[in-house]
């Protein structure tokens, strides 16, 4: 299965993401730069975390207007799986590929620790390696992870099962509404997630809880849906 990783100035989790995709898929992902206008044929596109363009204006606001993100949007419209992690989630929201926004943590502090996530919908393209309601561990590292959506949008994503992950067991690190940690698009092929599953994919990391997201997206789980 082929994958691609988007590179943007200020991102700092691209190497972690490349390493995770290489280990899980068996082949290194291609990398595409901010000024690229095309993306090769792949099964999964990942926008990793960090601080794209220094988080100026708003987190992800400048990155969302880069030429490469127009190419990502075109691929998403064609049904290619797209995953945005942390700053990548912020970028996908700013680019209009996902609803809502990521605001400053309610503590007004950068948070870096492990949290627990509940699989809110195990039937998505990114979660079918898990079971419904399963609790997994995952690290977070962000300053603006407080997910918010207006009441109408929130009712829609909740009612249509677009919440993929929630912070569980009182570990919500940022005040996100309804404990939302990750959502999928209405079409089901775009996932935005604040925690970093790429940092918990092998025993040497202390666990493999994050691996299922990539196995699901790449069609490598027993119930996986190939892109």
N, C-alpha and C. Protein backbone atom coordinates (compact mmCIF):
# COMPACT_ATOMS: atom_id res chain seq x y z
N UNK A 1 0.84 -1.19 0.00
CA UNK A 1 0.00 0.00 0.00
C UNK A 1 0.88 1.25 0.00
N UNK A 2 0.52 2.21 -0.82
CA UNK A 2 1.35 3.40 -0.99
C UNK A 2 0.80 4.56 -0.17
N UNK A 3 1.72 5.36 0.37
CA UNK A 3 1.32 6.52 1.16
C UNK A 3 2.19 7.71 0.81
N UNK A 4 1.72 8.89 1.24
CA UNK A 4 2.45 10.14 1.01
C UNK A 4 2.38 10.97 2.27
N UNK A 5 3.46 11.69 2.56
CA UNK A 5 3.50 12.59 3.71
C UNK A 5 3.75 14.01 3.21
N UNK A 6 2.91 14.93 3.66
CA UNK A 6 3.03 16.33 3.28
C UNK A 6 4.08 17.01 4.17
N UNK A 7 5.01 17.73 3.55
CA UNK A 7 6.05 18.47 4.28
C UNK A 7 5.76 19.96 4.18
N UNK A 8 5.78 20.62 5.32
CA UNK A 8 5.53 22.05 5.40
C UNK A 8 6.54 22.69 6.33
N UNK A 9 6.92 23.94 6.11
CA UNK A 9 7.86 24.61 7.03
C UNK A 9 7.29 24.64 8.45
N UNK A 10 8.08 24.20 9.41
CA UNK A 10 7.66 24.24 10.80
C UNK A 10 7.12 22.94 11.34
N UNK A 11 6.79 21.98 10.47
CA UNK A 11 6.35 20.69 10.98
C UNK A 11 7.54 19.97 11.61
N UNK A 12 7.29 19.23 12.68
CA UNK A 12 8.39 18.53 13.36
C UNK A 12 8.08 17.07 13.65
N UNK A 13 6.97 16.58 13.11
CA UNK A 13 6.62 15.18 13.32
C UNK A 13 6.65 14.39 12.02
N UNK A 14 7.20 15.00 10.97
CA UNK A 14 7.21 14.32 9.67
C UNK A 14 8.08 13.07 9.70
N UNK A 15 9.23 13.12 10.37
CA UNK A 15 10.10 11.94 10.41
C UNK A 15 9.47 10.81 11.21
N UNK A 16 8.80 11.16 12.30
CA UNK A 16 8.08 10.14 13.07
C UNK A 16 7.02 9.48 12.21
N UNK A 17 6.29 10.28 11.44
CA UNK A 17 5.23 9.75 10.60
C UNK A 17 5.80 8.87 9.49
N UNK A 18 6.88 9.32 8.87
CA UNK A 18 7.51 8.54 7.80
C UNK A 18 7.99 7.20 8.35
N UNK A 19 8.59 7.22 9.54
CA UNK A 19 9.08 5.98 10.15
C UNK A 19 7.92 5.02 10.44
N UNK A 20 6.81 5.55 10.97
CA UNK A 20 5.66 4.71 11.29
C UNK A 20 5.06 4.09 10.04
N UNK A 21 4.88 4.89 9.00
CA UNK A 21 4.29 4.37 7.76
C UNK A 21 5.20 3.34 7.11
N UNK A 22 6.50 3.56 7.19
CA UNK A 22 7.45 2.61 6.61
C UNK A 22 7.39 1.27 7.35
N UNK A 23 7.35 1.31 8.67
CA UNK A 23 7.30 0.09 9.46
C UNK A 23 6.00 -0.67 9.23
N UNK A 24 4.89 0.04 9.15
CA UNK A 24 3.59 -0.61 9.07
C UNK A 24 3.27 -1.09 7.65
N UNK A 25 3.58 -0.29 6.65
CA UNK A 25 3.24 -0.66 5.28
C UNK A 25 4.32 -1.47 4.58
N UNK A 26 5.56 -1.38 5.10
CA UNK A 26 6.66 -2.11 4.47
C UNK A 26 7.37 -1.33 3.40
N UNK A 27 6.91 -0.11 3.11
CA UNK A 27 7.58 0.72 2.11
C UNK A 27 7.53 2.18 2.56
N UNK A 28 8.58 2.91 2.24
CA UNK A 28 8.65 4.31 2.65
C UNK A 28 7.64 5.15 1.88
N UNK A 29 6.98 6.09 2.54
CA UNK A 29 6.05 6.97 1.82
C UNK A 29 6.79 7.96 0.94
N UNK A 30 6.12 8.43 -0.09
CA UNK A 30 6.68 9.53 -0.86
C UNK A 30 6.44 10.81 -0.06
N UNK A 31 7.26 11.81 -0.26
CA UNK A 31 7.07 13.10 0.41
C UNK A 31 6.76 14.17 -0.62
N UNK A 32 5.86 15.05 -0.26
CA UNK A 32 5.47 16.15 -1.15
C UNK A 32 5.63 17.45 -0.39
N UNK A 33 6.13 18.47 -1.07
CA UNK A 33 6.47 19.74 -0.45
C UNK A 33 5.35 20.75 -0.63
N UNK A 34 5.40 21.83 0.15
CA UNK A 34 4.32 22.83 0.17
C UNK A 34 4.02 23.42 -1.20
N UNK A 35 5.02 23.53 -2.06
CA UNK A 35 4.82 24.16 -3.37
C UNK A 35 4.42 23.17 -4.45
N UNK A 36 4.40 21.88 -4.13
CA UNK A 36 3.98 20.89 -5.12
C UNK A 36 2.50 21.07 -5.42
N UNK A 37 2.14 20.80 -6.65
CA UNK A 37 0.75 20.95 -7.06
C UNK A 37 0.10 19.62 -7.43
N UNK A 38 0.87 18.55 -7.38
CA UNK A 38 0.34 17.23 -7.67
C UNK A 38 0.85 16.22 -6.65
N UNK A 39 0.07 15.19 -6.42
CA UNK A 39 0.44 14.10 -5.52
C UNK A 39 0.34 12.80 -6.30
N UNK A 40 1.34 11.94 -6.23
CA UNK A 40 1.28 10.66 -6.95
C UNK A 40 0.09 9.82 -6.50
N UNK A 41 -0.22 8.80 -7.24
CA UNK A 41 -1.30 7.89 -6.86
C UNK A 41 -0.89 7.11 -5.62
N UNK A 42 -1.59 7.34 -4.52
CA UNK A 42 -1.31 6.68 -3.25
C UNK A 42 -2.63 6.28 -2.61
N UNK A 43 -2.52 5.45 -1.57
CA UNK A 43 -3.71 5.00 -0.85
C UNK A 43 -4.02 5.86 0.36
N UNK A 44 -2.99 6.57 0.87
CA UNK A 44 -3.16 7.38 2.07
C UNK A 44 -2.25 8.59 2.00
N UNK A 45 -2.80 9.76 2.32
CA UNK A 45 -2.03 11.00 2.42
C UNK A 45 -2.07 11.45 3.88
N UNK A 46 -0.91 11.79 4.44
CA UNK A 46 -0.86 12.20 5.84
C UNK A 46 -0.28 13.61 5.96
N UNK A 47 -0.97 14.45 6.72
CA UNK A 47 -0.46 15.77 7.09
C UNK A 47 -0.04 15.66 8.55
N UNK A 48 1.27 15.65 8.84
CA UNK A 48 1.74 15.41 10.21
C UNK A 48 1.66 16.63 11.11
N UNK A 49 2.11 16.46 12.35
CA UNK A 49 2.02 17.52 13.34
C UNK A 49 3.23 18.42 13.39
N UNK A 50 3.12 19.45 14.20
CA UNK A 50 4.20 20.42 14.37
C UNK A 50 3.63 21.82 14.49
N UNK A 51 4.34 22.77 13.91
CA UNK A 51 3.93 24.17 14.01
C UNK A 51 4.10 24.82 12.64
N UNK A 52 3.30 24.40 11.68
CA UNK A 52 3.46 24.88 10.31
C UNK A 52 3.43 26.40 10.24
N UNK A 53 4.44 26.95 9.57
CA UNK A 53 4.57 28.40 9.42
C UNK A 53 4.52 29.13 10.75
N UNK A 54 5.03 28.46 11.80
CA UNK A 54 5.12 29.07 13.12
C UNK A 54 3.78 29.31 13.80
N UNK A 55 2.71 28.71 13.28
CA UNK A 55 1.36 28.91 13.82
C UNK A 55 0.93 30.38 13.77
N UNK A 56 1.50 31.14 12.85
CA UNK A 56 1.10 32.54 12.72
C UNK A 56 -0.34 32.65 12.22
N UNK A 57 -0.97 33.78 12.51
CA UNK A 57 -2.39 34.05 12.24
C UNK A 57 -3.25 33.13 13.10
N UNK A 58 -3.39 31.87 12.70
CA UNK A 58 -4.03 30.81 13.47
C UNK A 58 -3.32 29.52 13.11
N UNK A 59 -3.37 28.55 14.01
CA UNK A 59 -2.71 27.28 13.72
C UNK A 59 -3.27 26.67 12.43
N UNK A 60 -2.39 26.46 11.46
CA UNK A 60 -2.80 25.83 10.21
C UNK A 60 -3.35 26.76 9.16
N UNK A 61 -3.55 28.04 9.50
CA UNK A 61 -4.22 28.96 8.57
C UNK A 61 -3.40 29.20 7.31
N UNK A 62 -2.09 29.39 7.46
CA UNK A 62 -1.24 29.64 6.29
C UNK A 62 -1.04 28.35 5.51
N UNK A 63 -0.77 27.26 6.22
CA UNK A 63 -0.54 25.97 5.56
C UNK A 63 -1.73 25.56 4.72
N UNK A 64 -2.93 25.84 5.21
CA UNK A 64 -4.15 25.43 4.50
C UNK A 64 -4.27 26.07 3.13
N UNK A 65 -3.53 27.16 2.93
CA UNK A 65 -3.59 27.88 1.65
C UNK A 65 -2.38 27.62 0.77
N UNK A 66 -1.60 26.62 1.13
CA UNK A 66 -0.45 26.23 0.33
C UNK A 66 -0.91 25.45 -0.89
N UNK A 67 -0.16 25.51 -2.00
CA UNK A 67 -0.54 24.76 -3.20
C UNK A 67 -0.75 23.27 -2.94
N UNK A 68 0.07 22.69 -2.07
CA UNK A 68 -0.06 21.25 -1.84
C UNK A 68 -1.40 20.90 -1.22
N UNK A 69 -1.98 21.80 -0.42
CA UNK A 69 -3.26 21.48 0.21
C UNK A 69 -4.40 21.50 -0.80
N UNK A 70 -4.25 22.27 -1.87
CA UNK A 70 -5.25 22.19 -2.94
C UNK A 70 -5.18 20.83 -3.60
N UNK A 71 -3.96 20.30 -3.74
CA UNK A 71 -3.79 18.96 -4.31
C UNK A 71 -4.37 17.90 -3.37
N UNK A 72 -4.17 18.08 -2.07
CA UNK A 72 -4.74 17.16 -1.09
C UNK A 72 -6.26 17.16 -1.19
N UNK A 73 -6.85 18.35 -1.30
CA UNK A 73 -8.31 18.46 -1.41
C UNK A 73 -8.83 17.75 -2.66
N UNK A 74 -8.10 17.87 -3.76
CA UNK A 74 -8.51 17.21 -5.00
C UNK A 74 -8.48 15.69 -4.84
N UNK A 75 -7.43 15.17 -4.17
CA UNK A 75 -7.35 13.74 -3.93
C UNK A 75 -8.47 13.28 -3.00
N UNK A 76 -8.76 14.09 -1.99
CA UNK A 76 -9.83 13.73 -1.05
C UNK A 76 -11.17 13.64 -1.77
N UNK A 77 -11.41 14.55 -2.70
CA UNK A 77 -12.67 14.52 -3.46
C UNK A 77 -12.80 13.24 -4.28
N UNK A 78 -11.66 12.67 -4.63
CA UNK A 78 -11.65 11.43 -5.42
C UNK A 78 -11.71 10.18 -4.54
N UNK A 79 -11.77 10.39 -3.22
CA UNK A 79 -11.93 9.27 -2.31
C UNK A 79 -10.67 8.76 -1.67
N UNK A 80 -9.52 9.40 -1.93
CA UNK A 80 -8.27 8.97 -1.30
C UNK A 80 -8.34 9.26 0.20
N UNK A 81 -7.82 8.35 1.00
CA UNK A 81 -7.81 8.55 2.45
C UNK A 81 -6.82 9.64 2.83
N UNK A 82 -7.24 10.55 3.72
CA UNK A 82 -6.39 11.64 4.19
C UNK A 82 -6.43 11.66 5.71
N UNK A 83 -5.26 11.68 6.32
CA UNK A 83 -5.15 11.73 7.78
C UNK A 83 -4.37 12.97 8.19
N UNK A 84 -4.94 13.76 9.08
CA UNK A 84 -4.25 14.92 9.63
C UNK A 84 -4.09 14.75 11.13
N UNK A 85 -2.86 14.80 11.62
CA UNK A 85 -2.58 14.58 13.04
C UNK A 85 -2.09 15.88 13.68
N UNK A 86 -2.73 16.28 14.78
CA UNK A 86 -2.36 17.46 15.54
C UNK A 86 -2.42 18.72 14.65
N UNK A 87 -1.28 19.31 14.32
CA UNK A 87 -1.31 20.46 13.42
C UNK A 87 -1.97 20.08 12.10
N UNK A 88 -1.82 18.82 11.69
CA UNK A 88 -2.49 18.35 10.48
C UNK A 88 -4.00 18.43 10.60
N UNK A 89 -4.54 18.13 11.78
CA UNK A 89 -5.97 18.26 12.04
C UNK A 89 -6.38 19.72 11.91
N UNK A 90 -5.59 20.60 12.51
CA UNK A 90 -5.88 22.04 12.41
C UNK A 90 -5.87 22.50 10.95
N UNK A 91 -4.92 22.01 10.18
CA UNK A 91 -4.81 22.39 8.77
C UNK A 91 -6.03 21.90 7.99
N UNK A 92 -6.46 20.67 8.24
CA UNK A 92 -7.63 20.13 7.53
C UNK A 92 -8.89 20.93 7.83
N UNK A 93 -9.02 21.39 9.08
CA UNK A 93 -10.18 22.24 9.43
C UNK A 93 -10.07 23.59 8.73
N UNK A 94 -8.89 24.18 8.74
CA UNK A 94 -8.68 25.48 8.09
C UNK A 94 -8.90 25.38 6.58
N UNK A 95 -8.60 24.22 6.01
CA UNK A 95 -8.75 24.03 4.56
C UNK A 95 -10.18 23.67 4.17
N UNK A 96 -11.06 23.48 5.16
CA UNK A 96 -12.44 23.16 4.87
C UNK A 96 -12.68 21.69 4.58
N UNK A 97 -11.69 20.84 4.83
CA UNK A 97 -11.87 19.41 4.61
C UNK A 97 -12.56 18.74 5.79
N UNK A 98 -12.58 19.41 6.92
CA UNK A 98 -13.29 18.94 8.10
C UNK A 98 -14.00 20.12 8.75
N UNK A 99 -15.13 19.87 9.41
CA UNK A 99 -15.86 20.97 10.06
C UNK A 99 -15.28 21.31 11.42
N UNK A 100 -15.63 22.48 11.93
CA UNK A 100 -15.20 22.89 13.26
C UNK A 100 -13.86 23.57 13.27
N UNK A 101 -13.34 23.79 14.47
CA UNK A 101 -12.06 24.49 14.63
C UNK A 101 -11.37 23.99 15.89
N UNK A 102 -10.05 24.15 15.93
CA UNK A 102 -9.26 23.80 17.10
C UNK A 102 -8.81 25.08 17.77
N UNK A 103 -9.26 25.29 19.01
CA UNK A 103 -8.97 26.51 19.75
C UNK A 103 -7.89 26.26 20.80
N UNK A 104 -7.48 27.34 21.48
CA UNK A 104 -6.49 27.27 22.55
C UNK A 104 -6.98 26.33 23.65
N UNK A 105 -6.08 25.52 24.19
CA UNK A 105 -6.44 24.67 25.33
C UNK A 105 -7.04 25.52 26.45
N UNK A 106 -8.02 24.99 27.13
CA UNK A 106 -8.66 25.76 28.19
C UNK A 106 -7.68 26.12 29.31
N UNK A 107 -6.64 25.33 29.48
CA UNK A 107 -5.63 25.63 30.50
C UNK A 107 -4.70 26.76 30.06
N UNK A 108 -4.76 27.11 28.76
CA UNK A 108 -3.87 28.10 28.15
C UNK A 108 -2.41 27.65 28.23
N UNK A 109 -2.19 26.35 28.37
CA UNK A 109 -0.83 25.81 28.45
C UNK A 109 -0.63 24.71 27.42
N UNK A 110 0.61 24.56 26.98
CA UNK A 110 0.97 23.44 26.12
C UNK A 110 0.87 22.16 26.94
N UNK A 111 0.26 21.13 26.36
CA UNK A 111 0.06 19.87 27.06
C UNK A 111 0.82 18.76 26.34
N UNK A 112 1.64 18.03 27.06
CA UNK A 112 2.41 16.92 26.49
C UNK A 112 2.34 15.76 27.48
N UNK A 113 1.48 14.79 27.19
CA UNK A 113 1.34 13.64 28.07
C UNK A 113 0.55 12.55 27.36
N UNK A 114 0.40 11.44 28.00
CA UNK A 114 -0.41 10.35 27.44
C UNK A 114 -1.86 10.51 27.88
N UNK A 115 -2.79 10.22 26.98
CA UNK A 115 -4.21 10.24 27.30
C UNK A 115 -4.81 8.90 26.91
N UNK A 116 -6.06 8.73 27.28
CA UNK A 116 -6.80 7.55 26.84
C UNK A 116 -7.88 7.98 25.85
N UNK A 117 -8.03 7.18 24.82
CA UNK A 117 -9.02 7.46 23.78
C UNK A 117 -10.04 6.32 23.72
N UNK A 118 -11.29 6.71 23.52
CA UNK A 118 -12.33 5.71 23.27
C UNK A 118 -12.67 5.72 21.79
N UNK A 119 -12.74 4.54 21.20
CA UNK A 119 -13.14 4.43 19.80
C UNK A 119 -14.64 4.67 19.73
N UNK A 120 -15.02 5.85 19.27
CA UNK A 120 -16.43 6.24 19.25
C UNK A 120 -17.18 5.63 18.07
N UNK A 121 -16.47 5.32 17.00
CA UNK A 121 -17.08 4.69 15.83
C UNK A 121 -16.04 3.76 15.21
N UNK A 122 -16.23 2.45 15.40
CA UNK A 122 -15.28 1.46 14.90
C UNK A 122 -15.57 1.05 13.47
N UNK A 123 -16.51 1.73 12.82
CA UNK A 123 -16.89 1.36 11.46
C UNK A 123 -16.30 2.29 10.40
N UNK A 124 -15.42 3.20 10.79
CA UNK A 124 -14.87 4.13 9.82
C UNK A 124 -13.68 3.52 9.10
N UNK A 125 -13.26 4.18 8.08
CA UNK A 125 -12.12 3.74 7.28
C UNK A 125 -10.81 3.76 8.06
N UNK A 126 -10.80 4.48 9.19
CA UNK A 126 -9.59 4.64 9.98
C UNK A 126 -9.63 3.89 11.30
N UNK A 127 -10.76 3.27 11.64
CA UNK A 127 -10.90 2.67 12.97
C UNK A 127 -11.33 1.21 12.95
N UNK A 128 -11.45 0.60 11.78
CA UNK A 128 -12.01 -0.75 11.74
C UNK A 128 -11.09 -1.83 12.30
N UNK A 129 -9.86 -1.48 12.65
CA UNK A 129 -8.97 -2.43 13.31
C UNK A 129 -9.29 -2.54 14.80
N UNK A 130 -10.11 -1.62 15.31
CA UNK A 130 -10.49 -1.60 16.71
C UNK A 130 -11.91 -2.11 16.88
N UNK A 131 -12.34 -2.26 18.14
CA UNK A 131 -13.71 -2.62 18.44
C UNK A 131 -14.45 -1.40 18.98
N UNK A 132 -15.75 -1.38 18.81
CA UNK A 132 -16.56 -0.26 19.26
C UNK A 132 -16.39 -0.07 20.77
N UNK A 133 -16.06 1.17 21.16
CA UNK A 133 -15.91 1.49 22.57
C UNK A 133 -14.56 1.12 23.16
N UNK A 134 -13.67 0.55 22.37
CA UNK A 134 -12.35 0.15 22.87
C UNK A 134 -11.59 1.36 23.40
N UNK A 135 -10.89 1.19 24.48
CA UNK A 135 -10.05 2.24 25.07
C UNK A 135 -8.60 1.98 24.69
N UNK A 136 -7.96 2.97 24.09
CA UNK A 136 -6.56 2.84 23.73
C UNK A 136 -5.77 4.00 24.34
N UNK A 137 -4.45 3.83 24.43
CA UNK A 137 -3.57 4.87 24.92
C UNK A 137 -2.99 5.63 23.73
N UNK A 138 -2.70 6.91 23.94
CA UNK A 138 -2.10 7.69 22.86
C UNK A 138 -1.50 8.98 23.45
N UNK A 139 -0.31 9.38 23.00
CA UNK A 139 0.28 10.63 23.50
C UNK A 139 -0.28 11.86 22.80
N UNK A 140 -0.29 12.97 23.50
CA UNK A 140 -0.67 14.25 22.91
C UNK A 140 0.45 15.26 23.14
N UNK A 141 0.51 16.25 22.28
CA UNK A 141 1.49 17.34 22.43
C UNK A 141 0.97 18.53 21.63
N UNK A 142 0.21 19.41 22.30
CA UNK A 142 -0.38 20.54 21.58
C UNK A 142 -0.76 21.68 22.53
N UNK A 143 -0.93 22.82 21.92
CA UNK A 143 -1.34 24.03 22.64
C UNK A 143 -2.73 24.48 22.23
N UNK A 144 -3.17 24.01 21.05
CA UNK A 144 -4.47 24.42 20.50
C UNK A 144 -5.23 23.19 20.02
N UNK A 145 -5.67 22.38 20.98
CA UNK A 145 -6.37 21.14 20.62
C UNK A 145 -7.81 21.10 21.05
N UNK A 146 -8.33 22.24 21.47
CA UNK A 146 -9.68 22.35 22.01
C UNK A 146 -10.69 22.38 20.87
N UNK A 147 -11.24 21.19 20.50
CA UNK A 147 -12.15 21.13 19.35
C UNK A 147 -13.48 21.80 19.67
N UNK A 148 -13.95 22.61 18.72
CA UNK A 148 -15.22 23.31 18.88
C UNK A 148 -15.97 23.33 17.55
N UNK A 149 -17.28 23.22 17.65
CA UNK A 149 -18.16 23.37 16.48
C UNK A 149 -19.45 24.01 16.95
N UNK A 150 -20.10 24.76 16.08
CA UNK A 150 -21.38 25.38 16.44
C UNK A 150 -22.41 24.30 16.70
N UNK A 151 -23.49 24.61 17.42
CA UNK A 151 -24.47 23.59 17.81
C UNK A 151 -25.02 22.78 16.65
N UNK A 152 -25.31 23.42 15.52
CA UNK A 152 -25.86 22.70 14.37
C UNK A 152 -24.84 21.70 13.81
N UNK A 153 -23.59 22.16 13.67
CA UNK A 153 -22.54 21.27 13.16
C UNK A 153 -22.28 20.13 14.13
N UNK A 154 -22.23 20.45 15.41
CA UNK A 154 -21.98 19.43 16.42
C UNK A 154 -23.08 18.37 16.40
N UNK A 155 -24.33 18.80 16.31
CA UNK A 155 -25.44 17.84 16.26
C UNK A 155 -25.33 16.94 15.04
N UNK A 156 -24.88 17.51 13.93
CA UNK A 156 -24.75 16.72 12.70
C UNK A 156 -23.65 15.68 12.82
N UNK A 157 -22.47 16.09 13.27
CA UNK A 157 -21.37 15.12 13.32
C UNK A 157 -21.63 14.05 14.38
N UNK A 158 -22.30 14.43 15.46
CA UNK A 158 -22.65 13.44 16.47
C UNK A 158 -23.73 12.50 15.94
N UNK A 159 -24.75 13.07 15.33
CA UNK A 159 -25.87 12.27 14.85
C UNK A 159 -25.51 11.34 13.71
N UNK A 160 -24.54 11.73 12.90
CA UNK A 160 -24.16 10.93 11.74
C UNK A 160 -22.95 10.04 12.00
N UNK A 161 -22.50 10.00 13.24
CA UNK A 161 -21.41 9.10 13.60
C UNK A 161 -20.05 9.51 13.10
N UNK A 162 -19.82 10.83 12.98
CA UNK A 162 -18.55 11.31 12.45
C UNK A 162 -17.48 11.51 13.53
N UNK A 163 -17.85 11.33 14.79
CA UNK A 163 -16.83 11.37 15.85
C UNK A 163 -16.15 10.01 15.87
N UNK A 164 -14.85 10.00 15.60
CA UNK A 164 -14.11 8.74 15.54
C UNK A 164 -13.51 8.37 16.89
N UNK A 165 -12.98 9.38 17.61
CA UNK A 165 -12.34 9.15 18.90
C UNK A 165 -12.75 10.23 19.89
N UNK A 166 -12.88 9.82 21.16
CA UNK A 166 -13.10 10.76 22.25
C UNK A 166 -12.04 10.52 23.33
N UNK A 167 -11.71 11.60 24.04
CA UNK A 167 -10.87 11.44 25.22
C UNK A 167 -11.68 10.69 26.26
N UNK A 168 -11.06 9.70 26.89
CA UNK A 168 -11.78 8.81 27.80
C UNK A 168 -11.25 8.91 29.22
N UNK A 169 -12.09 8.51 30.14
CA UNK A 169 -11.73 8.34 31.55
C UNK A 169 -11.11 9.60 32.16
N UNK A 170 -11.70 10.74 31.82
CA UNK A 170 -11.27 12.00 32.41
C UNK A 170 -9.93 12.50 31.96
N UNK A 171 -9.44 12.06 30.79
CA UNK A 171 -8.11 12.46 30.33
C UNK A 171 -8.14 13.58 29.29
N UNK A 172 -9.30 14.19 29.06
CA UNK A 172 -9.40 15.30 28.11
C UNK A 172 -8.36 16.37 28.46
N UNK A 173 -7.37 16.61 27.60
CA UNK A 173 -6.28 17.51 27.96
C UNK A 173 -6.47 18.97 27.56
N UNK A 174 -7.59 19.26 26.86
CA UNK A 174 -7.70 20.59 26.27
C UNK A 174 -9.07 21.23 26.38
N UNK A 175 -10.06 20.54 26.92
CA UNK A 175 -11.40 21.09 27.04
C UNK A 175 -12.27 20.91 25.83
N UNK A 176 -11.87 20.05 24.89
CA UNK A 176 -12.63 19.85 23.66
C UNK A 176 -14.08 19.51 23.95
N UNK A 177 -14.97 20.10 23.19
CA UNK A 177 -16.40 19.87 23.37
C UNK A 177 -16.72 18.39 23.15
N UNK A 178 -17.56 17.85 24.03
CA UNK A 178 -17.96 16.44 23.98
C UNK A 178 -16.77 15.49 24.00
N UNK A 179 -15.65 15.96 24.52
CA UNK A 179 -14.43 15.14 24.62
C UNK A 179 -13.93 14.67 23.25
N UNK A 180 -14.21 15.43 22.20
CA UNK A 180 -13.86 15.00 20.85
C UNK A 180 -12.36 15.11 20.62
N UNK A 181 -11.77 13.98 20.22
CA UNK A 181 -10.33 13.92 19.92
C UNK A 181 -10.07 13.75 18.44
N UNK A 182 -11.06 13.23 17.69
CA UNK A 182 -10.87 13.01 16.26
C UNK A 182 -12.20 12.84 15.55
N UNK A 183 -12.30 13.39 14.35
CA UNK A 183 -13.53 13.29 13.56
C UNK A 183 -13.20 12.87 12.13
N UNK A 184 -14.19 12.28 11.48
CA UNK A 184 -14.07 11.94 10.07
C UNK A 184 -15.00 12.84 9.27
N UNK A 185 -14.69 12.99 8.00
CA UNK A 185 -15.52 13.79 7.10
C UNK A 185 -16.83 13.07 6.80
N UNK A 186 -17.78 13.80 6.24
CA UNK A 186 -19.06 13.21 5.89
C UNK A 186 -18.89 12.05 4.92
N UNK A 187 -17.88 12.14 4.05
CA UNK A 187 -17.63 11.08 3.07
C UNK A 187 -16.87 9.91 3.68
N UNK A 188 -16.28 10.12 4.87
CA UNK A 188 -15.62 9.06 5.59
C UNK A 188 -14.17 8.81 5.24
N UNK A 189 -13.60 9.58 4.32
CA UNK A 189 -12.22 9.30 3.89
C UNK A 189 -11.20 10.30 4.42
N UNK A 190 -11.63 11.24 5.29
CA UNK A 190 -10.71 12.21 5.89
C UNK A 190 -10.85 12.13 7.40
N UNK A 191 -9.72 11.93 8.10
CA UNK A 191 -9.73 11.89 9.56
C UNK A 191 -8.80 12.96 10.11
N UNK A 192 -9.29 13.73 11.06
CA UNK A 192 -8.46 14.65 11.82
C UNK A 192 -8.38 14.16 13.25
N UNK A 193 -7.16 14.10 13.78
CA UNK A 193 -6.93 13.54 15.11
C UNK A 193 -5.88 14.36 15.85
N UNK A 194 -6.18 14.81 17.08
CA UNK A 194 -5.20 15.59 17.83
C UNK A 194 -4.07 14.74 18.41
N UNK A 195 -4.34 13.61 19.05
CA UNK A 195 -3.24 12.78 19.57
C UNK A 195 -2.35 12.21 18.46
N UNK A 196 -1.19 11.68 18.85
CA UNK A 196 -0.18 11.22 17.90
C UNK A 196 -0.07 9.70 17.88
N UNK A 197 -0.84 9.02 17.05
CA UNK A 197 -0.75 7.55 17.00
C UNK A 197 0.57 7.05 16.46
N UNK A 198 1.27 7.87 15.68
CA UNK A 198 2.55 7.44 15.11
C UNK A 198 3.62 7.21 16.17
N UNK A 199 3.38 7.71 17.38
CA UNK A 199 4.35 7.55 18.46
C UNK A 199 4.04 6.38 19.38
N UNK A 200 3.10 5.53 18.98
CA UNK A 200 2.78 4.35 19.77
C UNK A 200 2.38 3.21 18.83
N UNK A 201 3.37 2.77 18.02
CA UNK A 201 3.07 1.75 17.01
C UNK A 201 3.94 0.50 17.14
N UNK A 202 4.82 0.45 18.15
CA UNK A 202 5.66 -0.73 18.32
C UNK A 202 6.03 -0.88 19.80
N UNK A 203 6.35 -2.09 20.24
CA UNK A 203 6.64 -2.31 21.66
C UNK A 203 7.72 -1.40 22.20
N UNK A 204 8.70 -1.05 21.38
CA UNK A 204 9.77 -0.18 21.84
C UNK A 204 9.26 1.20 22.24
N UNK A 205 8.09 1.58 21.74
CA UNK A 205 7.47 2.84 22.12
C UNK A 205 6.70 2.72 23.43
N UNK A 206 6.54 1.49 23.90
CA UNK A 206 5.74 1.26 25.10
C UNK A 206 4.37 0.71 24.80
N UNK A 207 4.09 0.44 23.53
CA UNK A 207 2.79 -0.11 23.16
C UNK A 207 2.53 0.03 21.68
N UNK A 208 1.46 -0.59 21.22
CA UNK A 208 1.11 -0.57 19.79
C UNK A 208 -0.30 -0.04 19.56
N UNK A 209 -0.84 0.70 20.52
CA UNK A 209 -2.23 1.12 20.45
C UNK A 209 -2.54 1.98 19.22
N UNK A 210 -1.58 2.76 18.74
CA UNK A 210 -1.84 3.64 17.61
C UNK A 210 -1.77 2.97 16.26
N UNK A 211 -1.27 1.77 16.23
CA UNK A 211 -1.02 1.07 14.97
C UNK A 211 -2.31 0.82 14.17
N UNK A 212 -3.40 0.56 14.88
CA UNK A 212 -4.65 0.22 14.21
C UNK A 212 -5.16 1.30 13.28
N UNK A 213 -4.87 2.57 13.58
CA UNK A 213 -5.32 3.66 12.71
C UNK A 213 -4.70 3.53 11.33
N UNK A 214 -3.40 3.25 11.30
CA UNK A 214 -2.70 3.12 10.03
C UNK A 214 -3.07 1.81 9.32
N UNK A 215 -3.21 0.74 10.08
CA UNK A 215 -3.61 -0.54 9.48
C UNK A 215 -5.00 -0.43 8.87
N UNK A 216 -5.88 0.28 9.54
CA UNK A 216 -7.23 0.49 9.00
C UNK A 216 -7.18 1.30 7.71
N UNK A 217 -6.49 2.43 7.75
CA UNK A 217 -6.44 3.34 6.61
C UNK A 217 -5.78 2.71 5.39
N UNK A 218 -4.80 1.84 5.64
CA UNK A 218 -4.08 1.21 4.55
C UNK A 218 -4.68 -0.12 4.13
N UNK A 219 -5.79 -0.50 4.76
CA UNK A 219 -6.44 -1.75 4.41
C UNK A 219 -5.68 -2.98 4.86
N UNK A 220 -4.90 -2.84 5.94
CA UNK A 220 -4.05 -3.94 6.40
C UNK A 220 -4.65 -4.69 7.59
N UNK A 221 -5.74 -4.18 8.14
CA UNK A 221 -6.38 -4.88 9.24
C UNK A 221 -7.31 -5.96 8.67
N UNK A 222 -7.71 -6.96 9.47
CA UNK A 222 -8.60 -8.00 8.98
C UNK A 222 -9.90 -7.47 8.38
N UNK A 223 -10.34 -6.31 8.90
CA UNK A 223 -11.57 -5.71 8.40
C UNK A 223 -11.30 -4.45 7.58
N UNK A 224 -10.04 -4.27 7.18
CA UNK A 224 -9.63 -3.04 6.51
C UNK A 224 -10.31 -2.83 5.17
N UNK A 225 -10.48 -1.57 4.83
CA UNK A 225 -11.05 -1.17 3.56
C UNK A 225 -9.96 -0.53 2.74
N UNK A 226 -9.51 -1.19 1.71
CA UNK A 226 -8.45 -0.63 0.87
C UNK A 226 -8.92 0.65 0.21
N UNK A 227 -8.01 1.61 0.10
CA UNK A 227 -8.39 2.89 -0.50
C UNK A 227 -8.67 2.74 -1.97
